[in-house]
Amino acid sequence: MKRASSLLAVVFLSACVPPGEPIVSDYNGDSVKIAMANAFGEGVRSAETDAAALRICNKGGKRTAEYASTSISGEYQVEHLYLCL
């Protein structure tokens, strides 16, 4: 019983860990995909994902990054697609 309660404590505490940084998973000059961990639903589009997409689009000579869609990529990951305009 003690082991089960210890395991539950670890699971509940892991939910308190902040989500990871946005990661560029694909870029082709016209669009960029920003991947986020999504184990507990924290991979939602945010100001951080918008800023990461804009930074990459700016490096490619584009002035803005327009959000297009979100898709599930794997069991614990989502990808946000942005168009570089």
PDB file of N, CA and C in Angstrom:
ATOM      1  N   MET A   1       0.821  -1.192   0.000  1.00  0.00           N
ATOM      2  CA  MET A   1       0.000   0.000   0.000  1.00  0.00           C
ATOM      3  C   MET A   1       0.867   1.258   0.000  1.00  0.00           C
ATOM      4  N   LYS A   2       1.958   1.203   0.745  1.00  0.00           N
ATOM      5  CA  LYS A   2       2.846   2.355   0.807  1.00  0.00           C
ATOM      6  C   LYS A   2       3.454   2.654  -0.562  1.00  0.00           C
ATOM      7  N   ARG A   3       3.783   1.586  -1.295  1.00  0.00           N
ATOM      8  CA  ARG A   3       4.366   1.770  -2.627  1.00  0.00           C
ATOM      9  C   ARG A   3       3.355   2.413  -3.578  1.00  0.00           C
ATOM     10  N   ALA A   4       2.105   1.995  -3.496  1.00  0.00           N
ATOM     11  CA  ALA A   4       1.072   2.558  -4.366  1.00  0.00           C
ATOM     12  C   ALA A   4       0.860   4.036  -4.073  1.00  0.00           C
ATOM     13  N   SER A   5       0.862   4.416  -2.799  1.00  0.00           N
ATOM     14  CA  SER A   5       0.674   5.833  -2.471  1.00  0.00           C
ATOM     15  C   SER A   5       1.881   6.657  -2.899  1.00  0.00           C
ATOM     16  N   SER A   6       3.077   6.072  -2.837  1.00  0.00           N
ATOM     17  CA  SER A   6       4.271   6.776  -3.312  1.00  0.00           C
ATOM     18  C   SER A   6       4.200   6.997  -4.818  1.00  0.00           C
ATOM     19  N   LEU A   7       3.744   5.989  -5.536  1.00  0.00           N
ATOM     20  CA  LEU A   7       3.606   6.099  -6.982  1.00  0.00           C
ATOM     21  C   LEU A   7       2.581   7.172  -7.351  1.00  0.00           C
ATOM     22  N   LEU A   8       1.474   7.201  -6.654  1.00  0.00           N
ATOM     23  CA  LEU A   8       0.457   8.222  -6.913  1.00  0.00           C
ATOM     24  C   LEU A   8       0.995   9.625  -6.638  1.00  0.00           C
ATOM     25  N   ALA A   9       1.790   9.759  -5.596  1.00  0.00           N
ATOM     26  CA  ALA A   9       2.373  11.063  -5.275  1.00  0.00           C
ATOM     27  C   ALA A   9       3.279  11.537  -6.409  1.00  0.00           C
ATOM     28  N   VAL A  10       4.068  10.636  -6.978  1.00  0.00           N
ATOM     29  CA  VAL A  10       4.949  10.996  -8.089  1.00  0.00           C
ATOM     30  C   VAL A  10       4.134  11.411  -9.303  1.00  0.00           C
ATOM     31  N   VAL A  11       3.072  10.684  -9.596  1.00  0.00           N
ATOM     32  CA  VAL A  11       2.225  11.009 -10.744  1.00  0.00           C
ATOM     33  C   VAL A  11       1.587  12.379 -10.564  1.00  0.00           C
ATOM     34  N   PHE A  12       1.044  12.663  -9.386  1.00  0.00           N
ATOM     35  CA  PHE A  12       0.404  13.960  -9.154  1.00  0.00           C
ATOM     36  C   PHE A  12       1.414  15.101  -9.164  1.00  0.00           C
ATOM     37  N   LEU A  13       2.591  14.886  -8.628  1.00  0.00           N
ATOM     38  CA  LEU A  13       3.610  15.930  -8.631  1.00  0.00           C
ATOM     39  C   LEU A  13       4.148  16.182 -10.027  1.00  0.00           C
ATOM     40  N   SER A  14       4.178  15.170 -10.868  1.00  0.00           N
ATOM     41  CA  SER A  14       4.674  15.370 -12.230  1.00  0.00           C
ATOM     42  C   SER A  14       3.758  16.295 -13.018  1.00  0.00           C
ATOM     43  N   ALA A  15       2.501  16.386 -12.632  1.00  0.00           N
ATOM     44  CA  ALA A  15       1.569  17.292 -13.300  1.00  0.00           C
ATOM     45  C   ALA A  15       1.914  18.748 -12.999  1.00  0.00           C
ATOM     46  N   CYS A  16       2.710  18.984 -11.967  1.00  0.00           N
ATOM     47  CA  CYS A  16       3.093  20.342 -11.596  1.00  0.00           C
ATOM     48  C   CYS A  16       4.311  20.842 -12.366  1.00  0.00           C
ATOM     49  N   VAL A  17       4.958  19.967 -13.116  1.00  0.00           N
ATOM     50  CA  VAL A  17       6.136  20.352 -13.878  1.00  0.00           C
ATOM     51  C   VAL A  17       5.701  21.226 -15.047  1.00  0.00           C
ATOM     52  N   PRO A  18       6.350  22.398 -15.229  1.00  0.00           N
ATOM     53  CA  PRO A  18       5.945  23.261 -16.338  1.00  0.00           C
ATOM     54  C   PRO A  18       6.225  22.611 -17.686  1.00  0.00           C
ATOM     55  N   PRO A  19       5.466  22.959 -18.723  1.00  0.00           N
ATOM     56  CA  PRO A  19       5.672  22.365 -20.043  1.00  0.00           C
ATOM     57  C   PRO A  19       7.025  22.754 -20.614  1.00  0.00           C
ATOM     58  N   GLY A  20       7.497  21.969 -21.567  1.00  0.00           N
ATOM     59  CA  GLY A  20       8.787  22.235 -22.189  1.00  0.00           C
ATOM     60  C   GLY A  20       8.739  23.432 -23.118  1.00  0.00           C
ATOM     61  N   GLU A  21       9.887  23.771 -23.593  1.00  0.00           N
ATOM     62  CA  GLU A  21      10.013  24.888 -24.528  1.00  0.00           C
ATOM     63  C   GLU A  21       9.455  24.499 -25.894  1.00  0.00           C
ATOM     64  N   PRO A  22       8.948  25.471 -26.635  1.00  0.00           N
ATOM     65  CA  PRO A  22       8.519  25.193 -28.009  1.00  0.00           C
ATOM     66  C   PRO A  22       9.730  24.786 -28.848  1.00  0.00           C
ATOM     67  N   ILE A  23       9.562  23.777 -29.689  1.00  0.00           N
ATOM     68  CA  ILE A  23      10.644  23.263 -30.522  1.00  0.00           C
ATOM     69  C   ILE A  23      10.219  23.340 -31.985  1.00  0.00           C
ATOM     70  N   VAL A  24      11.080  23.877 -32.824  1.00  0.00           N
ATOM     71  CA  VAL A  24      10.801  23.920 -34.254  1.00  0.00           C
ATOM     72  C   VAL A  24      10.981  22.514 -34.803  1.00  0.00           C
ATOM     73  N   SER A  25       9.910  21.924 -35.300  1.00  0.00           N
ATOM     74  CA  SER A  25       9.991  20.557 -35.816  1.00  0.00           C
ATOM     75  C   SER A  25      10.068  20.506 -37.343  1.00  0.00           C
ATOM     76  N   ASP A  26       9.680  21.606 -38.012  1.00  0.00           N
ATOM     77  CA  ASP A  26       9.735  21.627 -39.467  1.00  0.00           C
ATOM     78  C   ASP A  26       9.704  23.077 -39.937  1.00  0.00           C
ATOM     79  N   TYR A  27      10.496  23.372 -40.963  1.00  0.00           N
ATOM     80  CA  TYR A  27      10.508  24.707 -41.547  1.00  0.00           C
ATOM     81  C   TYR A  27      10.886  24.564 -43.015  1.00  0.00           C
ATOM     82  N   ASN A  28      10.104  25.204 -43.900  1.00  0.00           N
ATOM     83  CA  ASN A  28      10.407  25.113 -45.325  1.00  0.00           C
ATOM     84  C   ASN A  28      10.478  26.470 -46.015  1.00  0.00           C
ATOM     85  N   GLY A  29      10.538  27.543 -45.255  1.00  0.00           N
ATOM     86  CA  GLY A  29      10.592  28.880 -45.829  1.00  0.00           C
ATOM     87  C   GLY A  29       9.231  29.539 -45.934  1.00  0.00           C
ATOM     88  N   ASP A  30       8.199  28.755 -46.135  1.00  0.00           N
ATOM     89  CA  ASP A  30       6.839  29.283 -46.240  1.00  0.00           C
ATOM     90  C   ASP A  30       5.977  28.956 -45.021  1.00  0.00           C
ATOM     91  N   SER A  31       6.384  27.939 -44.252  1.00  0.00           N
ATOM     92  CA  SER A  31       5.642  27.572 -43.044  1.00  0.00           C
ATOM     93  C   SER A  31       6.603  26.990 -42.018  1.00  0.00           C
ATOM     94  N   VAL A  32       6.162  27.021 -40.771  1.00  0.00           N
ATOM     95  CA  VAL A  32       6.968  26.473 -39.684  1.00  0.00           C
ATOM     96  C   VAL A  32       6.026  25.705 -38.751  1.00  0.00           C
ATOM     97  N   LYS A  33       6.497  24.573 -38.248  1.00  0.00           N
ATOM     98  CA  LYS A  33       5.748  23.791 -37.272  1.00  0.00           C
ATOM     99  C   LYS A  33       6.476  23.880 -35.937  1.00  0.00           C
ATOM    100  N   ILE A  34       5.721  24.203 -34.900  1.00  0.00           N
ATOM    101  CA  ILE A  34       6.258  24.298 -33.551  1.00  0.00           C
ATOM    102  C   ILE A  34       5.681  23.141 -32.748  1.00  0.00           C
ATOM    103  N   ALA A  35       6.559  22.268 -32.255  1.00  0.00           N
ATOM    104  CA  ALA A  35       6.133  21.098 -31.483  1.00  0.00           C
ATOM    105  C   ALA A  35       6.157  21.419 -29.994  1.00  0.00           C
ATOM    106  N   MET A  36       5.196  20.857 -29.286  1.00  0.00           N
ATOM    107  CA  MET A  36       5.102  21.023 -27.838  1.00  0.00           C
ATOM    108  C   MET A  36       4.740  19.685 -27.207  1.00  0.00           C
ATOM    109  N   ALA A  37       5.266  19.444 -26.016  1.00  0.00           N
ATOM    110  CA  ALA A  37       4.854  18.270 -25.250  1.00  0.00           C
ATOM    111  C   ALA A  37       3.392  18.438 -24.867  1.00  0.00           C
ATOM    112  N   ASN A  38       2.661  17.338 -24.807  1.00  0.00           N
ATOM    113  CA  ASN A  38       1.231  17.421 -24.518  1.00  0.00           C
ATOM    114  C   ASN A  38       0.763  16.304 -23.609  1.00  0.00           C
ATOM    115  N   ALA A  39       1.601  15.871 -22.673  1.00  0.00           N
ATOM    116  CA  ALA A  39       1.248  14.756 -21.801  1.00  0.00           C
ATOM    117  C   ALA A  39       0.035  15.068 -20.933  1.00  0.00           C
ATOM    118  N   PHE A  40      -0.096  16.302 -20.481  1.00  0.00           N
ATOM    119  CA  PHE A  40      -1.195  16.677 -19.599  1.00  0.00           C
ATOM    120  C   PHE A  40      -2.010  17.834 -20.168  1.00  0.00           C
ATOM    121  N   GLY A  41      -1.993  18.005 -21.492  1.00  0.00           N
ATOM    122  CA  GLY A  41      -2.768  19.051 -22.130  1.00  0.00           C
ATOM    123  C   GLY A  41      -2.110  20.411 -22.128  1.00  0.00           C
ATOM    124  N   GLU A  42      -0.815  20.472 -21.819  1.00  0.00           N
ATOM    125  CA  GLU A  42      -0.151  21.763 -21.743  1.00  0.00           C
ATOM    126  C   GLU A  42       0.399  22.253 -23.080  1.00  0.00           C
ATOM    127  N   GLY A  43       0.222  21.494 -24.149  1.00  0.00           N
ATOM    128  CA  GLY A  43       0.780  21.869 -25.440  1.00  0.00           C
ATOM    129  C   GLY A  43      -0.091  22.790 -26.257  1.00  0.00           C
ATOM    130  N   VAL A  44      -0.911  23.590 -25.601  1.00  0.00           N
ATOM    131  CA  VAL A  44      -1.804  24.493 -26.320  1.00  0.00           C
ATOM    132  C   VAL A  44      -1.028  25.656 -26.917  1.00  0.00           C
ATOM    133  N   ARG A  45      -1.564  26.244 -27.947  1.00  0.00           N
ATOM    134  CA  ARG A  45      -0.956  27.420 -28.567  1.00  0.00           C
ATOM    135  C   ARG A  45      -0.870  28.524 -27.530  1.00  0.00           C
ATOM    136  N   SER A  46       0.261  29.230 -27.510  1.00  0.00           N
ATOM    137  CA  SER A  46       0.474  30.278 -26.522  1.00  0.00           C
ATOM    138  C   SER A  46       1.310  31.397 -27.127  1.00  0.00           C
ATOM    139  N   ALA A  47       1.568  32.411 -26.333  1.00  0.00           N
ATOM    140  CA  ALA A  47       2.432  33.509 -26.768  1.00  0.00           C
ATOM    141  C   ALA A  47       3.839  32.993 -27.067  1.00  0.00           C
ATOM    142  N   GLU A  48       4.274  31.960 -26.341  1.00  0.00           N
ATOM    143  CA  GLU A  48       5.603  31.383 -26.581  1.00  0.00           C
ATOM    144  C   GLU A  48       5.685  30.718 -27.949  1.00  0.00           C
ATOM    145  N   THR A  49       4.653  29.972 -28.336  1.00  0.00           N
ATOM    146  CA  THR A  49       4.681  29.316 -29.644  1.00  0.00           C
ATOM    147  C   THR A  49       4.571  30.354 -30.760  1.00  0.00           C
ATOM    148  N   ASP A  50       3.753  31.386 -30.536  1.00  0.00           N
ATOM    149  CA  ASP A  50       3.645  32.465 -31.522  1.00  0.00           C
ATOM    150  C   ASP A  50       4.997  33.156 -31.713  1.00  0.00           C
ATOM    151  N   ALA A  51       5.693  33.436 -30.608  1.00  0.00           N
ATOM    152  CA  ALA A  51       6.991  34.121 -30.669  1.00  0.00           C
ATOM    153  C   ALA A  51       8.045  33.254 -31.348  1.00  0.00           C
ATOM    154  N   ALA A  52       8.037  31.958 -31.063  1.00  0.00           N
ATOM    155  CA  ALA A  52       9.006  31.055 -31.697  1.00  0.00           C
ATOM    156  C   ALA A  52       8.777  31.003 -33.203  1.00  0.00           C
ATOM    157  N   ALA A  53       7.527  30.929 -33.625  1.00  0.00           N
ATOM    158  CA  ALA A  53       7.216  30.899 -35.056  1.00  0.00           C
ATOM    159  C   ALA A  53       7.622  32.207 -35.728  1.00  0.00           C
ATOM    160  N   LEU A  54       7.332  33.326 -35.090  1.00  0.00           N
ATOM    161  CA  LEU A  54       7.696  34.624 -35.655  1.00  0.00           C
ATOM    162  C   LEU A  54       9.214  34.758 -35.777  1.00  0.00           C
ATOM    163  N   ARG A  55       9.946  34.299 -34.784  1.00  0.00           N
ATOM    164  CA  ARG A  55      11.406  34.368 -34.815  1.00  0.00           C
ATOM    165  C   ARG A  55      11.960  33.586 -36.005  1.00  0.00           C
ATOM    166  N   ILE A  56      11.450  32.388 -36.242  1.00  0.00           N
ATOM    167  CA  ILE A  56      11.921  31.560 -37.353  1.00  0.00           C
ATOM    168  C   ILE A  56      11.527  32.179 -38.690  1.00  0.00           C
ATOM    169  N   CYS A  57      10.301  32.658 -38.798  1.00  0.00           N
ATOM    170  CA  CYS A  57       9.867  33.290 -40.056  1.00  0.00           C
ATOM    171  C   CYS A  57      10.699  34.533 -40.358  1.00  0.00           C
ATOM    172  N   ASN A  58      11.011  35.320 -39.322  1.00  0.00           N
ATOM    173  CA  ASN A  58      11.839  36.511 -39.513  1.00  0.00           C
ATOM    174  C   ASN A  58      13.231  36.148 -40.014  1.00  0.00           C
ATOM    175  N   LYS A  59      13.786  35.062 -39.511  1.00  0.00           N
ATOM    176  CA  LYS A  59      15.107  34.624 -39.969  1.00  0.00           C
ATOM    177  C   LYS A  59      15.087  34.247 -41.442  1.00  0.00           C
ATOM    178  N   GLY A  60      13.950  33.809 -41.934  1.00  0.00           N
ATOM    179  CA  GLY A  60      13.805  33.449 -43.347  1.00  0.00           C
ATOM    180  C   GLY A  60      13.404  34.621 -44.228  1.00  0.00           C
ATOM    181  N   GLY A  61      13.348  35.832 -43.665  1.00  0.00           N
ATOM    182  CA  GLY A  61      13.022  37.013 -44.454  1.00  0.00           C
ATOM    183  C   GLY A  61      11.550  37.354 -44.518  1.00  0.00           C
ATOM    184  N   LYS A  62      10.717  36.625 -43.799  1.00  0.00           N
ATOM    185  CA  LYS A  62       9.277  36.915 -43.784  1.00  0.00           C
ATOM    186  C   LYS A  62       8.961  37.812 -42.591  1.00  0.00           C
ATOM    187  N   ARG A  63       7.916  38.633 -42.711  1.00  0.00           N
ATOM    188  CA  ARG A  63       7.623  39.612 -41.669  1.00  0.00           C
ATOM    189  C   ARG A  63       6.669  39.133 -40.590  1.00  0.00           C
ATOM    190  N   THR A  64       5.853  38.145 -40.879  1.00  0.00           N
ATOM    191  CA  THR A  64       4.861  37.726 -39.902  1.00  0.00           C
ATOM    192  C   THR A  64       4.661  36.210 -39.940  1.00  0.00           C
ATOM    193  N   ALA A  65       4.163  35.682 -38.831  1.00  0.00           N
ATOM    194  CA  ALA A  65       3.823  34.264 -38.734  1.00  0.00           C
ATOM    195  C   ALA A  65       2.345  34.173 -38.381  1.00  0.00           C
ATOM    196  N   GLU A  66       1.555  33.615 -39.280  1.00  0.00           N
ATOM    197  CA  GLU A  66       0.111  33.514 -39.069  1.00  0.00           C
ATOM    198  C   GLU A  66      -0.249  32.089 -38.675  1.00  0.00           C
ATOM    199  N   TYR A  67      -0.926  31.957 -37.531  1.00  0.00           N
ATOM    200  CA  TYR A  67      -1.347  30.637 -37.054  1.00  0.00           C
ATOM    201  C   TYR A  67      -2.310  30.010 -38.048  1.00  0.00           C
ATOM    202  N   ALA A  68      -2.095  28.714 -38.357  1.00  0.00           N
ATOM    203  CA  ALA A  68      -2.966  28.021 -39.308  1.00  0.00           C
ATOM    204  C   ALA A  68      -3.731  26.871 -38.662  1.00  0.00           C
ATOM    205  N   SER A  69      -3.035  26.001 -37.908  1.00  0.00           N
ATOM    206  CA  SER A  69      -3.726  24.842 -37.343  1.00  0.00           C
ATOM    207  C   SER A  69      -2.869  24.161 -36.278  1.00  0.00           C
ATOM    208  N   THR A  70      -3.494  23.209 -35.588  1.00  0.00           N
ATOM    209  CA  THR A  70      -2.812  22.367 -34.605  1.00  0.00           C
ATOM    210  C   THR A  70      -3.142  20.919 -34.919  1.00  0.00           C
ATOM    211  N   SER A  71      -2.127  20.064 -34.857  1.00  0.00           N
ATOM    212  CA  SER A  71      -2.358  18.642 -35.081  1.00  0.00           C
ATOM    213  C   SER A  71      -1.644  17.828 -34.012  1.00  0.00           C
ATOM    214  N   ILE A  72      -2.151  16.639 -33.770  1.00  0.00           N
ATOM    215  CA  ILE A  72      -1.522  15.726 -32.816  1.00  0.00           C
ATOM    216  C   ILE A  72      -0.441  14.956 -33.556  1.00  0.00           C
ATOM    217  N   SER A  73       0.750  14.972 -32.999  1.00  0.00           N
ATOM    218  CA  SER A  73       1.895  14.303 -33.608  1.00  0.00           C
ATOM    219  C   SER A  73       2.487  13.347 -32.586  1.00  0.00           C
ATOM    220  N   GLY A  74       2.095  12.119 -32.648  1.00  0.00           N
ATOM    221  CA  GLY A  74       2.557  11.163 -31.653  1.00  0.00           C
ATOM    222  C   GLY A  74       1.638  11.178 -30.448  1.00  0.00           C
ATOM    223  N   GLU A  75       1.971  10.349 -29.493  1.00  0.00           N
ATOM    224  CA  GLU A  75       1.096  10.169 -28.341  1.00  0.00           C
ATOM    225  C   GLU A  75       1.107  11.348 -27.376  1.00  0.00           C
ATOM    226  N   TYR A  76       2.253  11.990 -27.199  1.00  0.00           N
ATOM    227  CA  TYR A  76       2.371  13.057 -26.212  1.00  0.00           C
ATOM    228  C   TYR A  76       2.919  14.344 -26.815  1.00  0.00           C
ATOM    229  N   GLN A  77       2.554  14.648 -28.052  1.00  0.00           N
ATOM    230  CA  GLN A  77       3.089  15.835 -28.699  1.00  0.00           C
ATOM    231  C   GLN A  77       2.047  16.433 -29.637  1.00  0.00           C
ATOM    232  N   VAL A  78       2.010  17.763 -29.703  1.00  0.00           N
ATOM    233  CA  VAL A  78       1.188  18.464 -30.682  1.00  0.00           C
ATOM    234  C   VAL A  78       2.102  19.360 -31.512  1.00  0.00           C
ATOM    235  N   GLU A  79       1.658  19.672 -32.730  1.00  0.00           N
ATOM    236  CA  GLU A  79       2.393  20.584 -33.595  1.00  0.00           C
ATOM    237  C   GLU A  79       1.465  21.714 -34.020  1.00  0.00           C
ATOM    238  N   HIS A  80       1.956  22.929 -33.873  1.00  0.00           N
ATOM    239  CA  HIS A  80       1.219  24.112 -34.297  1.00  0.00           C
ATOM    240  C   HIS A  80       1.823  24.580 -35.611  1.00  0.00           C
ATOM    241  N   LEU A  81       1.003  24.704 -36.639  1.00  0.00           N
ATOM    242  CA  LEU A  81       1.468  25.127 -37.957  1.00  0.00           C
ATOM    243  C   LEU A  81       1.231  26.623 -38.119  1.00  0.00           C
ATOM    244  N   TYR A  82       2.274  27.311 -38.553  1.00  0.00           N
ATOM    245  CA  TYR A  82       2.202  28.755 -38.831  1.00  0.00           C
ATOM    246  C   TYR A  82       2.648  28.990 -40.265  1.00  0.00           C
ATOM    247  N   LEU A  83       1.975  29.922 -40.948  1.00  0.00           N
ATOM    248  CA  LEU A  83       2.360  30.324 -42.285  1.00  0.00           C
ATOM    249  C   LEU A  83       3.256  31.545 -42.187  1.00  0.00           C
ATOM    250  N   CYS A  84       4.379  31.532 -42.871  1.00  0.00           N
ATOM    251  CA  CYS A  84       5.307  32.677 -42.884  1.00  0.00           C
ATOM    252  C   CYS A  84       4.908  33.587 -44.036  1.00  0.00           C
ATOM    253  N   LEU A  85       4.505  34.807 -43.704  1.00  0.00           N
ATOM    254  CA  LEU A  85       4.031  35.756 -44.716  1.00  0.00           C
ATOM    255  C   LEU A  85       4.896  37.006 -44.733  1.00  0.00           C
TER     256      LEU A  85
END
